[in-house]
Amino acid sequence: MVLALSLMVATMLLVVSWQPMLLAEYGDDDVRLNGLVLLLMSLSLAAGAACARWVHQDRPHVWGALLSMGIGLPLVLAAHGVVPLVTGLVAAEFLIGLGGVLSGAWCQLMFTDANRNSMFSAVTVVTLLGSALTTSSFGWLWDLWGIPAAVSVLAVFALVLAAAALVLTRLLPESADFTWAVRQNEDAARGRSEPSC
């Protein structure tokens, strides 16, 4: 849940910041640039999701968190003019695609067949709250300190959440025990289930 929240904060940061940054960088003389950049970002997102097959998928709790920690970096570098804006946007989108698939894989492995829908709904509610928090905070921070500072603060927030997810998997090793759900599904298929605590 913490990793999903981190990914949502990073994703919404990109969603709310890319057009204002593009406008500040290139002006609004040709709105076709917006469509071209959006197309590049969409292709990058798809490429990131497709590349998830080559990541060590039996450790999504590690790779998902590490990738989520890195999403904000290209955005911050682009916002401060260290890297070209479009390069930063495309790189962040690629990491969102890759990290999002791994986060989904973690959920798929952790949740049993019996409770998967309920748990995905709970994760969705939490991430929607994170989305609202990110959107409202970005506007407030932008007005207060400007776009680069707003991007930096929210990128750090997403990084802290991702780091917390990584730490929590060490403190709570059962969160990475992907055999539990398999055992529960097999028991249910045989018509018996272990008593719940």
N, C-alpha and C. Protein backbone atom coordinates (compact mmCIF):
# COMPACT_ATOMS: atom_id res chain seq x y z
N MET A 1 0.83 -1.19 0.00
CA MET A 1 0.00 0.00 0.00
C MET A 1 0.87 1.26 0.00
N VAL A 2 1.95 1.22 0.76
CA VAL A 2 2.86 2.37 0.82
C VAL A 2 3.54 2.57 -0.53
N LEU A 3 3.94 1.47 -1.17
CA LEU A 3 4.57 1.58 -2.48
C LEU A 3 3.58 2.11 -3.51
N ALA A 4 2.35 1.64 -3.48
CA ALA A 4 1.33 2.12 -4.41
C ALA A 4 1.08 3.62 -4.20
N LEU A 5 1.11 4.05 -2.96
CA LEU A 5 0.93 5.47 -2.65
C LEU A 5 2.09 6.29 -3.20
N SER A 6 3.31 5.77 -3.04
CA SER A 6 4.49 6.46 -3.57
C SER A 6 4.39 6.61 -5.09
N LEU A 7 4.00 5.52 -5.76
CA LEU A 7 3.86 5.58 -7.22
C LEU A 7 2.78 6.55 -7.66
N MET A 8 1.69 6.62 -6.90
CA MET A 8 0.62 7.55 -7.26
C MET A 8 1.07 8.99 -7.08
N VAL A 9 1.80 9.28 -6.00
CA VAL A 9 2.30 10.64 -5.79
C VAL A 9 3.23 11.03 -6.93
N ALA A 10 4.14 10.13 -7.30
CA ALA A 10 5.08 10.41 -8.39
C ALA A 10 4.34 10.56 -9.72
N THR A 11 3.35 9.71 -9.95
CA THR A 11 2.59 9.77 -11.20
C THR A 11 1.80 11.07 -11.30
N MET A 12 1.12 11.43 -10.22
CA MET A 12 0.33 12.66 -10.25
C MET A 12 1.23 13.89 -10.32
N LEU A 13 2.41 13.80 -9.76
CA LEU A 13 3.36 14.91 -9.88
C LEU A 13 3.69 15.14 -11.35
N LEU A 14 3.92 14.06 -12.07
CA LEU A 14 4.19 14.20 -13.51
C LEU A 14 2.96 14.73 -14.25
N VAL A 15 1.79 14.22 -13.90
CA VAL A 15 0.56 14.63 -14.58
C VAL A 15 0.30 16.13 -14.41
N VAL A 16 0.48 16.64 -13.19
CA VAL A 16 0.15 18.04 -12.95
C VAL A 16 1.27 19.01 -13.34
N SER A 17 2.48 18.50 -13.51
CA SER A 17 3.60 19.42 -13.74
C SER A 17 4.08 19.51 -15.18
N TRP A 18 3.80 18.49 -16.01
CA TRP A 18 4.45 18.48 -17.32
C TRP A 18 3.99 19.63 -18.21
N GLN A 19 2.70 19.95 -18.21
CA GLN A 19 2.23 21.03 -19.07
C GLN A 19 2.70 22.41 -18.59
N PRO A 20 2.61 22.71 -17.30
CA PRO A 20 3.16 24.00 -16.86
C PRO A 20 4.66 24.15 -17.15
N MET A 21 5.43 23.06 -16.98
CA MET A 21 6.86 23.13 -17.28
C MET A 21 7.10 23.31 -18.78
N LEU A 22 6.29 22.62 -19.58
CA LEU A 22 6.41 22.75 -21.03
C LEU A 22 6.07 24.17 -21.48
N LEU A 23 5.03 24.73 -20.89
CA LEU A 23 4.63 26.09 -21.21
C LEU A 23 5.72 27.09 -20.82
N ALA A 24 6.30 26.90 -19.63
CA ALA A 24 7.36 27.81 -19.19
C ALA A 24 8.60 27.69 -20.07
N GLU A 25 8.86 26.50 -20.58
CA GLU A 25 10.06 26.27 -21.38
C GLU A 25 9.91 26.74 -22.83
N TYR A 26 8.76 26.43 -23.44
CA TYR A 26 8.60 26.67 -24.87
C TYR A 26 7.52 27.68 -25.23
N GLY A 27 6.76 28.15 -24.25
CA GLY A 27 5.66 29.07 -24.55
C GLY A 27 4.47 28.33 -25.14
N ASP A 28 3.47 29.08 -25.55
CA ASP A 28 2.24 28.46 -26.07
C ASP A 28 2.01 28.80 -27.54
N ASP A 29 3.09 29.05 -28.28
CA ASP A 29 2.94 29.41 -29.69
C ASP A 29 2.40 28.26 -30.53
N ASP A 30 2.77 27.04 -30.19
CA ASP A 30 2.35 25.88 -30.98
C ASP A 30 1.87 24.78 -30.04
N VAL A 31 0.57 24.64 -29.93
CA VAL A 31 0.03 23.64 -29.00
C VAL A 31 0.23 22.23 -29.49
N ARG A 32 0.66 22.07 -30.75
CA ARG A 32 0.93 20.72 -31.24
C ARG A 32 2.07 20.07 -30.46
N LEU A 33 2.93 20.89 -29.88
CA LEU A 33 4.03 20.35 -29.08
C LEU A 33 3.50 19.56 -27.89
N ASN A 34 2.39 20.03 -27.30
CA ASN A 34 1.79 19.29 -26.19
C ASN A 34 1.43 17.87 -26.61
N GLY A 35 0.79 17.75 -27.77
CA GLY A 35 0.40 16.42 -28.25
C GLY A 35 1.59 15.54 -28.55
N LEU A 36 2.64 16.14 -29.12
CA LEU A 36 3.84 15.35 -29.43
C LEU A 36 4.51 14.84 -28.16
N VAL A 37 4.64 15.72 -27.17
CA VAL A 37 5.26 15.31 -25.90
C VAL A 37 4.40 14.26 -25.21
N LEU A 38 3.08 14.43 -25.24
CA LEU A 38 2.19 13.45 -24.63
C LEU A 38 2.32 12.10 -25.33
N LEU A 39 2.46 12.10 -26.64
CA LEU A 39 2.66 10.85 -27.38
C LEU A 39 3.97 10.19 -26.96
N LEU A 40 5.05 10.97 -26.87
CA LEU A 40 6.33 10.41 -26.44
C LEU A 40 6.25 9.83 -25.03
N MET A 41 5.56 10.54 -24.15
CA MET A 41 5.41 10.06 -22.78
C MET A 41 4.58 8.77 -22.73
N SER A 42 3.53 8.71 -23.55
CA SER A 42 2.69 7.50 -23.58
C SER A 42 3.49 6.29 -24.08
N LEU A 43 4.29 6.51 -25.12
CA LEU A 43 5.13 5.42 -25.65
C LEU A 43 6.17 5.01 -24.61
N SER A 44 6.71 5.97 -23.89
CA SER A 44 7.69 5.66 -22.85
C SER A 44 7.06 4.86 -21.71
N LEU A 45 5.84 5.21 -21.34
CA LEU A 45 5.12 4.47 -20.30
C LEU A 45 4.90 3.02 -20.73
N ALA A 46 4.47 2.84 -21.98
CA ALA A 46 4.27 1.49 -22.50
C ALA A 46 5.57 0.71 -22.55
N ALA A 47 6.65 1.39 -22.95
CA ALA A 47 7.96 0.72 -23.00
C ALA A 47 8.41 0.30 -21.60
N GLY A 48 8.19 1.16 -20.62
CA GLY A 48 8.55 0.81 -19.24
C GLY A 48 7.78 -0.39 -18.74
N ALA A 49 6.48 -0.41 -19.02
CA ALA A 49 5.65 -1.55 -18.61
C ALA A 49 6.11 -2.83 -19.30
N ALA A 50 6.45 -2.73 -20.59
CA ALA A 50 6.90 -3.91 -21.33
C ALA A 50 8.23 -4.43 -20.81
N CYS A 51 9.10 -3.53 -20.38
CA CYS A 51 10.42 -3.93 -19.90
C CYS A 51 10.37 -4.63 -18.54
N ALA A 52 9.21 -4.58 -17.88
CA ALA A 52 9.10 -5.22 -16.56
C ALA A 52 9.35 -6.72 -16.64
N ARG A 53 9.16 -7.31 -17.81
CA ARG A 53 9.36 -8.76 -17.94
C ARG A 53 10.81 -9.16 -17.73
N TRP A 54 11.74 -8.21 -17.92
CA TRP A 54 13.16 -8.51 -17.76
C TRP A 54 13.71 -8.15 -16.39
N VAL A 55 12.83 -7.65 -15.53
CA VAL A 55 13.26 -7.33 -14.17
C VAL A 55 13.00 -8.55 -13.30
N HIS A 56 13.79 -8.71 -12.25
CA HIS A 56 13.70 -9.85 -11.35
C HIS A 56 12.33 -9.85 -10.67
N GLN A 57 11.33 -10.47 -11.29
CA GLN A 57 9.95 -10.30 -10.85
C GLN A 57 9.60 -11.04 -9.57
N ASP A 58 10.48 -11.91 -9.09
CA ASP A 58 10.16 -12.54 -7.81
C ASP A 58 10.60 -11.67 -6.64
N ARG A 59 11.11 -10.47 -6.93
CA ARG A 59 11.45 -9.50 -5.89
C ARG A 59 10.83 -8.13 -6.22
N PRO A 60 9.52 -8.09 -6.51
CA PRO A 60 8.91 -6.81 -6.89
C PRO A 60 8.93 -5.80 -5.76
N HIS A 61 8.97 -6.29 -4.52
CA HIS A 61 8.98 -5.37 -3.37
C HIS A 61 10.28 -4.58 -3.33
N VAL A 62 11.36 -5.15 -3.86
CA VAL A 62 12.65 -4.44 -3.90
C VAL A 62 12.72 -3.54 -5.12
N TRP A 63 12.51 -4.12 -6.29
CA TRP A 63 12.66 -3.35 -7.52
C TRP A 63 11.59 -2.28 -7.68
N GLY A 64 10.37 -2.59 -7.26
CA GLY A 64 9.31 -1.58 -7.34
C GLY A 64 9.63 -0.36 -6.50
N ALA A 65 10.12 -0.60 -5.27
CA ALA A 65 10.47 0.52 -4.39
C ALA A 65 11.64 1.32 -4.93
N LEU A 66 12.67 0.62 -5.41
CA LEU A 66 13.84 1.33 -5.95
C LEU A 66 13.48 2.17 -7.16
N LEU A 67 12.64 1.63 -8.04
CA LEU A 67 12.23 2.38 -9.22
C LEU A 67 11.37 3.57 -8.83
N SER A 68 10.48 3.38 -7.86
CA SER A 68 9.65 4.49 -7.41
C SER A 68 10.49 5.60 -6.79
N MET A 69 11.56 5.22 -6.11
CA MET A 69 12.46 6.22 -5.54
C MET A 69 13.12 7.06 -6.63
N GLY A 70 13.30 6.47 -7.81
CA GLY A 70 14.00 7.18 -8.88
C GLY A 70 13.12 8.02 -9.79
N ILE A 71 11.79 7.88 -9.70
CA ILE A 71 10.90 8.58 -10.63
C ILE A 71 11.06 10.09 -10.55
N GLY A 72 11.16 10.60 -9.35
CA GLY A 72 11.22 12.06 -9.18
C GLY A 72 12.52 12.68 -9.66
N LEU A 73 13.60 11.89 -9.73
CA LEU A 73 14.90 12.47 -10.09
C LEU A 73 14.90 13.14 -11.45
N PRO A 74 14.47 12.48 -12.53
CA PRO A 74 14.47 13.17 -13.83
C PRO A 74 13.53 14.38 -13.85
N LEU A 75 12.44 14.32 -13.08
CA LEU A 75 11.54 15.47 -13.02
C LEU A 75 12.21 16.66 -12.35
N VAL A 76 12.90 16.39 -11.24
CA VAL A 76 13.59 17.47 -10.53
C VAL A 76 14.70 18.05 -11.40
N LEU A 77 15.48 17.18 -12.04
CA LEU A 77 16.56 17.66 -12.90
C LEU A 77 16.01 18.49 -14.06
N ALA A 78 14.88 18.06 -14.62
CA ALA A 78 14.27 18.81 -15.72
C ALA A 78 13.71 20.13 -15.23
N ALA A 79 13.08 20.13 -14.07
CA ALA A 79 12.48 21.35 -13.53
C ALA A 79 13.54 22.42 -13.25
N HIS A 80 14.74 21.97 -12.88
CA HIS A 80 15.82 22.91 -12.56
C HIS A 80 16.75 23.15 -13.75
N GLY A 81 16.40 22.61 -14.91
CA GLY A 81 17.16 22.87 -16.12
C GLY A 81 18.46 22.12 -16.24
N VAL A 82 18.64 21.08 -15.46
CA VAL A 82 19.88 20.30 -15.51
C VAL A 82 19.88 19.37 -16.72
N VAL A 83 18.72 18.81 -17.03
CA VAL A 83 18.56 17.97 -18.24
C VAL A 83 17.46 18.58 -19.09
N PRO A 84 17.45 18.30 -20.40
CA PRO A 84 16.35 18.81 -21.23
C PRO A 84 15.00 18.36 -20.70
N LEU A 85 14.02 19.24 -20.78
CA LEU A 85 12.71 18.97 -20.19
C LEU A 85 12.07 17.70 -20.74
N VAL A 86 12.04 17.54 -22.04
CA VAL A 86 11.39 16.38 -22.64
C VAL A 86 12.09 15.09 -22.23
N THR A 87 13.41 15.14 -22.13
CA THR A 87 14.16 13.96 -21.68
C THR A 87 13.75 13.56 -20.27
N GLY A 88 13.64 14.53 -19.39
CA GLY A 88 13.22 14.25 -18.01
C GLY A 88 11.82 13.69 -17.93
N LEU A 89 10.90 14.25 -18.72
CA LEU A 89 9.53 13.77 -18.72
C LEU A 89 9.43 12.34 -19.23
N VAL A 90 10.15 12.06 -20.31
CA VAL A 90 10.11 10.71 -20.91
C VAL A 90 10.74 9.69 -19.96
N ALA A 91 11.84 10.06 -19.32
CA ALA A 91 12.50 9.15 -18.38
C ALA A 91 11.61 8.85 -17.18
N ALA A 92 10.97 9.88 -16.64
CA ALA A 92 10.07 9.67 -15.50
C ALA A 92 8.91 8.77 -15.88
N GLU A 93 8.36 8.97 -17.06
CA GLU A 93 7.23 8.16 -17.52
C GLU A 93 7.65 6.70 -17.69
N PHE A 94 8.85 6.47 -18.20
CA PHE A 94 9.36 5.10 -18.35
C PHE A 94 9.44 4.41 -16.99
N LEU A 95 9.97 5.12 -15.99
CA LEU A 95 10.09 4.54 -14.65
C LEU A 95 8.72 4.29 -14.02
N ILE A 96 7.74 5.15 -14.32
CA ILE A 96 6.38 4.94 -13.81
C ILE A 96 5.80 3.65 -14.39
N GLY A 97 6.00 3.43 -15.69
CA GLY A 97 5.51 2.20 -16.31
C GLY A 97 6.15 0.97 -15.72
N LEU A 98 7.45 1.02 -15.54
CA LEU A 98 8.18 -0.12 -15.00
C LEU A 98 7.82 -0.37 -13.54
N GLY A 99 7.83 0.68 -12.72
CA GLY A 99 7.50 0.54 -11.31
C GLY A 99 6.05 0.16 -11.07
N GLY A 100 5.16 0.67 -11.92
CA GLY A 100 3.74 0.36 -11.75
C GLY A 100 3.43 -1.11 -11.98
N VAL A 101 4.08 -1.71 -12.97
CA VAL A 101 3.88 -3.14 -13.23
C VAL A 101 4.39 -3.97 -12.05
N LEU A 102 5.55 -3.60 -11.53
CA LEU A 102 6.12 -4.36 -10.41
C LEU A 102 5.29 -4.20 -9.15
N SER A 103 4.74 -3.01 -8.92
CA SER A 103 3.85 -2.82 -7.78
C SER A 103 2.60 -3.69 -7.93
N GLY A 104 2.05 -3.73 -9.14
CA GLY A 104 0.89 -4.59 -9.39
C GLY A 104 1.21 -6.06 -9.21
N ALA A 105 2.42 -6.45 -9.63
CA ALA A 105 2.84 -7.84 -9.46
C ALA A 105 2.94 -8.20 -7.98
N TRP A 106 3.44 -7.28 -7.17
CA TRP A 106 3.54 -7.51 -5.73
C TRP A 106 2.14 -7.74 -5.16
N CYS A 107 1.20 -6.89 -5.51
CA CYS A 107 -0.17 -7.06 -5.02
C CYS A 107 -0.75 -8.39 -5.49
N GLN A 108 -0.52 -8.72 -6.73
CA GLN A 108 -1.06 -9.96 -7.28
C GLN A 108 -0.51 -11.17 -6.53
N LEU A 109 0.76 -11.12 -6.15
CA LEU A 109 1.38 -12.23 -5.43
C LEU A 109 0.94 -12.28 -3.96
N MET A 110 0.65 -11.13 -3.37
CA MET A 110 0.34 -11.08 -1.94
C MET A 110 -1.11 -11.43 -1.63
N PHE A 111 -2.02 -11.07 -2.52
CA PHE A 111 -3.43 -11.22 -2.21
C PHE A 111 -3.94 -12.58 -2.68
N THR A 112 -4.76 -13.19 -1.85
CA THR A 112 -5.35 -14.47 -2.23
C THR A 112 -6.49 -14.22 -3.22
N ASP A 113 -6.91 -15.30 -3.87
CA ASP A 113 -8.02 -15.18 -4.81
C ASP A 113 -9.28 -14.67 -4.11
N ALA A 114 -9.46 -15.07 -2.86
CA ALA A 114 -10.68 -14.72 -2.13
C ALA A 114 -10.74 -13.24 -1.77
N ASN A 115 -9.59 -12.62 -1.52
CA ASN A 115 -9.65 -11.22 -1.07
C ASN A 115 -9.01 -10.24 -2.04
N ARG A 116 -8.63 -10.70 -3.24
CA ARG A 116 -7.92 -9.83 -4.17
C ARG A 116 -8.74 -8.59 -4.55
N ASN A 117 -10.01 -8.76 -4.87
CA ASN A 117 -10.83 -7.60 -5.26
C ASN A 117 -10.94 -6.58 -4.14
N SER A 118 -11.18 -7.07 -2.92
CA SER A 118 -11.31 -6.16 -1.78
C SER A 118 -10.01 -5.41 -1.51
N MET A 119 -8.90 -6.13 -1.60
CA MET A 119 -7.62 -5.50 -1.32
C MET A 119 -7.23 -4.50 -2.40
N PHE A 120 -7.49 -4.83 -3.66
CA PHE A 120 -7.22 -3.87 -4.73
C PHE A 120 -8.08 -2.62 -4.57
N SER A 121 -9.31 -2.80 -4.10
CA SER A 121 -10.18 -1.65 -3.85
C SER A 121 -9.62 -0.78 -2.73
N ALA A 122 -9.11 -1.43 -1.68
CA ALA A 122 -8.52 -0.66 -0.57
C ALA A 122 -7.30 0.12 -1.03
N VAL A 123 -6.46 -0.53 -1.84
CA VAL A 123 -5.27 0.16 -2.37
C VAL A 123 -5.70 1.33 -3.24
N THR A 124 -6.73 1.14 -4.03
CA THR A 124 -7.22 2.21 -4.90
C THR A 124 -7.69 3.41 -4.10
N VAL A 125 -8.41 3.17 -3.01
CA VAL A 125 -8.89 4.27 -2.17
C VAL A 125 -7.70 5.07 -1.61
N VAL A 126 -6.70 4.35 -1.12
CA VAL A 126 -5.53 5.03 -0.55
C VAL A 126 -4.80 5.84 -1.62
N THR A 127 -4.63 5.25 -2.80
CA THR A 127 -3.90 5.97 -3.85
C THR A 127 -4.70 7.17 -4.38
N LEU A 128 -6.02 7.07 -4.39
CA LEU A 128 -6.82 8.23 -4.79
C LEU A 128 -6.68 9.37 -3.80
N LEU A 129 -6.58 9.05 -2.53
CA LEU A 129 -6.31 10.09 -1.52
C LEU A 129 -4.94 10.72 -1.76
N GLY A 130 -3.96 9.88 -2.10
CA GLY A 130 -2.63 10.40 -2.43
C GLY A 130 -2.65 11.28 -3.66
N SER A 131 -3.49 10.93 -4.63
CA SER A 131 -3.63 11.72 -5.83
C SER A 131 -4.20 13.10 -5.51
N ALA A 132 -5.24 13.14 -4.68
CA ALA A 132 -5.84 14.42 -4.29
C ALA A 132 -4.85 15.27 -3.50
N LEU A 133 -4.10 14.64 -2.61
CA LEU A 133 -3.10 15.36 -1.82
C LEU A 133 -2.02 15.96 -2.72
N THR A 134 -1.56 15.18 -3.68
CA THR A 134 -0.51 15.65 -4.58
C THR A 134 -0.99 16.81 -5.44
N THR A 135 -2.18 16.67 -5.99
CA THR A 135 -2.72 17.71 -6.87
C THR A 135 -2.90 19.03 -6.13
N SER A 136 -3.51 18.96 -4.95
CA SER A 136 -3.74 20.19 -4.19
C SER A 136 -2.44 20.78 -3.67
N SER A 137 -1.52 19.93 -3.25
CA SER A 137 -0.24 20.42 -2.74
C SER A 137 0.59 21.07 -3.83
N PHE A 138 0.55 20.50 -5.04
CA PHE A 138 1.33 21.07 -6.12
C PHE A 138 0.89 22.50 -6.41
N GLY A 139 -0.40 22.72 -6.49
CA GLY A 139 -0.90 24.06 -6.75
C GLY A 139 -0.50 25.04 -5.66
N TRP A 140 -0.59 24.61 -4.43
CA TRP A 140 -0.24 25.47 -3.30
C TRP A 140 1.25 25.78 -3.29
N LEU A 141 2.09 24.75 -3.50
CA LEU A 141 3.54 24.95 -3.51
C LEU A 141 3.99 25.78 -4.72
N TRP A 142 3.34 25.57 -5.85
CA TRP A 142 3.65 26.34 -7.06
C TRP A 142 3.41 27.83 -6.80
N ASP A 143 2.25 28.11 -6.20
CA ASP A 143 1.91 29.50 -5.91
C ASP A 143 2.87 30.11 -4.88
N LEU A 144 3.33 29.28 -3.97
CA LEU A 144 4.19 29.77 -2.89
C LEU A 144 5.64 29.95 -3.32
N TRP A 145 6.20 28.94 -4.01
CA TRP A 145 7.64 28.95 -4.30
C TRP A 145 8.00 28.78 -5.77
N GLY A 146 7.04 28.46 -6.62
CA GLY A 146 7.33 28.24 -8.03
C GLY A 146 7.35 26.75 -8.39
N ILE A 147 7.35 26.48 -9.68
CA ILE A 147 7.26 25.10 -10.17
C ILE A 147 8.46 24.25 -9.76
N PRO A 148 9.72 24.72 -9.93
CA PRO A 148 10.85 23.84 -9.55
C PRO A 148 10.81 23.39 -8.10
N ALA A 149 10.45 24.30 -7.21
CA ALA A 149 10.38 23.94 -5.79
C ALA A 149 9.23 22.98 -5.53
N ALA A 150 8.09 23.21 -6.18
CA ALA A 150 6.94 22.33 -5.99
C ALA A 150 7.27 20.91 -6.45
N VAL A 151 7.92 20.80 -7.61
CA VAL A 151 8.32 19.49 -8.13
C VAL A 151 9.30 18.83 -7.17
N SER A 152 10.25 19.59 -6.66
CA SER A 152 11.27 19.03 -5.78
C SER A 152 10.68 18.51 -4.48
N VAL A 153 9.79 19.29 -3.87
CA VAL A 153 9.20 18.88 -2.58
C VAL A 153 8.38 17.61 -2.75
N LEU A 154 7.55 17.55 -3.78
CA LEU A 154 6.70 16.37 -3.96
C LEU A 154 7.50 15.15 -4.42
N ALA A 155 8.58 15.38 -5.18
CA ALA A 155 9.45 14.27 -5.57
C ALA A 155 10.12 13.66 -4.34
N VAL A 156 10.52 14.51 -3.42
CA VAL A 156 11.13 14.02 -2.17
C VAL A 156 10.09 13.24 -1.35
N PHE A 157 8.85 13.73 -1.33
CA PHE A 157 7.79 13.03 -0.61
C PHE A 157 7.58 11.63 -1.18
N ALA A 158 7.54 11.52 -2.52
CA ALA A 158 7.39 10.21 -3.16
C ALA A 158 8.58 9.31 -2.84
N LEU A 159 9.78 9.89 -2.83
CA LEU A 159 10.99 9.13 -2.51
C LEU A 159 10.94 8.59 -1.08
N VAL A 160 10.50 9.43 -0.15
CA VAL A 160 10.40 8.99 1.25
C VAL A 160 9.42 7.84 1.40
N LEU A 161 8.28 7.93 0.72
CA LEU A 161 7.30 6.84 0.78
C LEU A 161 7.87 5.55 0.21
N ALA A 162 8.59 5.66 -0.91
CA ALA A 162 9.18 4.46 -1.53
C ALA A 162 10.25 3.86 -0.61
N ALA A 163 11.05 4.72 0.01
CA ALA A 163 12.07 4.23 0.94
C ALA A 163 11.40 3.56 2.14
N ALA A 164 10.28 4.12 2.60
CA ALA A 164 9.54 3.51 3.71
C ALA A 164 9.03 2.13 3.33
N ALA A 165 8.55 1.98 2.09
CA ALA A 165 8.08 0.66 1.63
C ALA A 165 9.22 -0.35 1.64
N LEU A 166 10.41 0.10 1.23
CA LEU A 166 11.57 -0.78 1.21
C LEU A 166 11.96 -1.20 2.64
N VAL A 167 11.93 -0.26 3.55
CA VAL A 167 12.27 -0.55 4.95
C VAL A 167 11.22 -1.47 5.58
N LEU A 168 9.95 -1.22 5.27
CA LEU A 168 8.88 -2.04 5.85
C LEU A 168 8.97 -3.50 5.44
N THR A 169 9.47 -3.76 4.23
CA THR A 169 9.62 -5.16 3.82
C THR A 169 10.69 -5.87 4.64
N ARG A 170 11.64 -5.11 5.15
CA ARG A 170 12.67 -5.70 6.02
C ARG A 170 12.12 -5.91 7.44
N LEU A 171 11.33 -4.96 7.91
CA LEU A 171 10.77 -5.06 9.26
C LEU A 171 9.62 -6.07 9.32
N LEU A 172 8.92 -6.23 8.22
CA LEU A 172 7.77 -7.14 8.16
C LEU A 172 8.01 -8.14 7.04
N PRO A 173 8.87 -9.14 7.27
CA PRO A 173 9.23 -10.07 6.19
C PRO A 173 8.04 -10.83 5.61
N GLU A 174 6.96 -10.93 6.37
CA GLU A 174 5.78 -11.61 5.83
C GLU A 174 5.18 -10.85 4.64
N SER A 175 5.51 -9.56 4.52
CA SER A 175 4.99 -8.79 3.38
C SER A 175 5.64 -9.20 2.07
N ALA A 176 6.71 -9.96 2.16
CA ALA A 176 7.36 -10.46 0.94
C ALA A 176 7.33 -11.99 0.87
N ASP A 177 6.46 -12.61 1.68
CA ASP A 177 6.28 -14.06 1.64
C ASP A 177 5.22 -14.38 0.59
N PHE A 178 5.68 -14.61 -0.64
CA PHE A 178 4.76 -14.78 -1.74
C PHE A 178 4.22 -16.21 -1.84
N THR A 179 4.63 -17.07 -0.91
CA THR A 179 4.10 -18.43 -0.91
C THR A 179 2.81 -18.52 -0.10
N TRP A 180 2.55 -17.56 0.79
CA TRP A 180 1.37 -17.61 1.65
C TRP A 180 0.09 -17.62 0.84
N ALA A 181 -0.02 -16.65 -0.10
CA ALA A 181 -1.24 -16.56 -0.90
C ALA A 181 -1.43 -17.82 -1.75
N VAL A 182 -0.33 -18.37 -2.26
CA VAL A 182 -0.42 -19.59 -3.06
C VAL A 182 -0.96 -20.73 -2.21
N ARG A 183 -0.44 -20.86 -0.98
CA ARG A 183 -0.92 -21.91 -0.07
C ARG A 183 -2.41 -21.73 0.25
N GLN A 184 -2.82 -20.49 0.49
CA GLN A 184 -4.23 -20.22 0.79
C GLN A 184 -5.12 -20.58 -0.40
N ASN A 185 -4.66 -20.25 -1.60
CA ASN A 185 -5.45 -20.57 -2.80
C ASN A 185 -5.55 -22.08 -3.00
N GLU A 186 -4.46 -22.81 -2.74
CA GLU A 186 -4.48 -24.26 -2.88
C GLU A 186 -5.40 -24.90 -1.85
N ASP A 187 -5.37 -24.37 -0.61
CA ASP A 187 -6.26 -24.89 0.42
C ASP A 187 -7.72 -24.65 0.05
N ALA A 188 -8.00 -23.46 -0.46
CA ALA A 188 -9.38 -23.15 -0.85
C ALA A 188 -9.83 -24.04 -2.00
N ALA A 189 -8.92 -24.33 -2.91
CA ALA A 189 -9.26 -25.19 -4.05
C ALA A 189 -9.56 -26.61 -3.59
N ARG A 190 -8.91 -27.03 -2.51
CA ARG A 190 -9.16 -28.38 -1.98
C ARG A 190 -10.37 -28.39 -1.05
N GLY A 191 -11.03 -27.26 -0.89
CA GLY A 191 -12.25 -27.21 -0.08
C GLY A 191 -12.00 -27.01 1.41
N ARG A 192 -10.77 -26.65 1.77
CA ARG A 192 -10.52 -26.38 3.19
C ARG A 192 -9.65 -25.13 3.28
N SER A 193 -9.73 -24.45 4.37
CA SER A 193 -8.90 -23.27 4.58
C SER A 193 -8.38 -23.28 5.99
N GLU A 194 -7.23 -22.67 6.19
CA GLU A 194 -6.67 -22.59 7.52
C GLU A 194 -7.47 -21.58 8.34
N PRO A 195 -7.64 -21.82 9.65
CA PRO A 195 -8.39 -20.85 10.48
C PRO A 195 -7.65 -19.52 10.52
N SER A 196 -8.42 -18.45 10.43
CA SER A 196 -7.80 -17.12 10.49
C SER A 196 -7.62 -16.68 11.92
N CYS A 197 -6.59 -15.88 12.15
CA CYS A 197 -6.30 -15.38 13.49
C CYS A 197 -6.98 -14.05 13.70
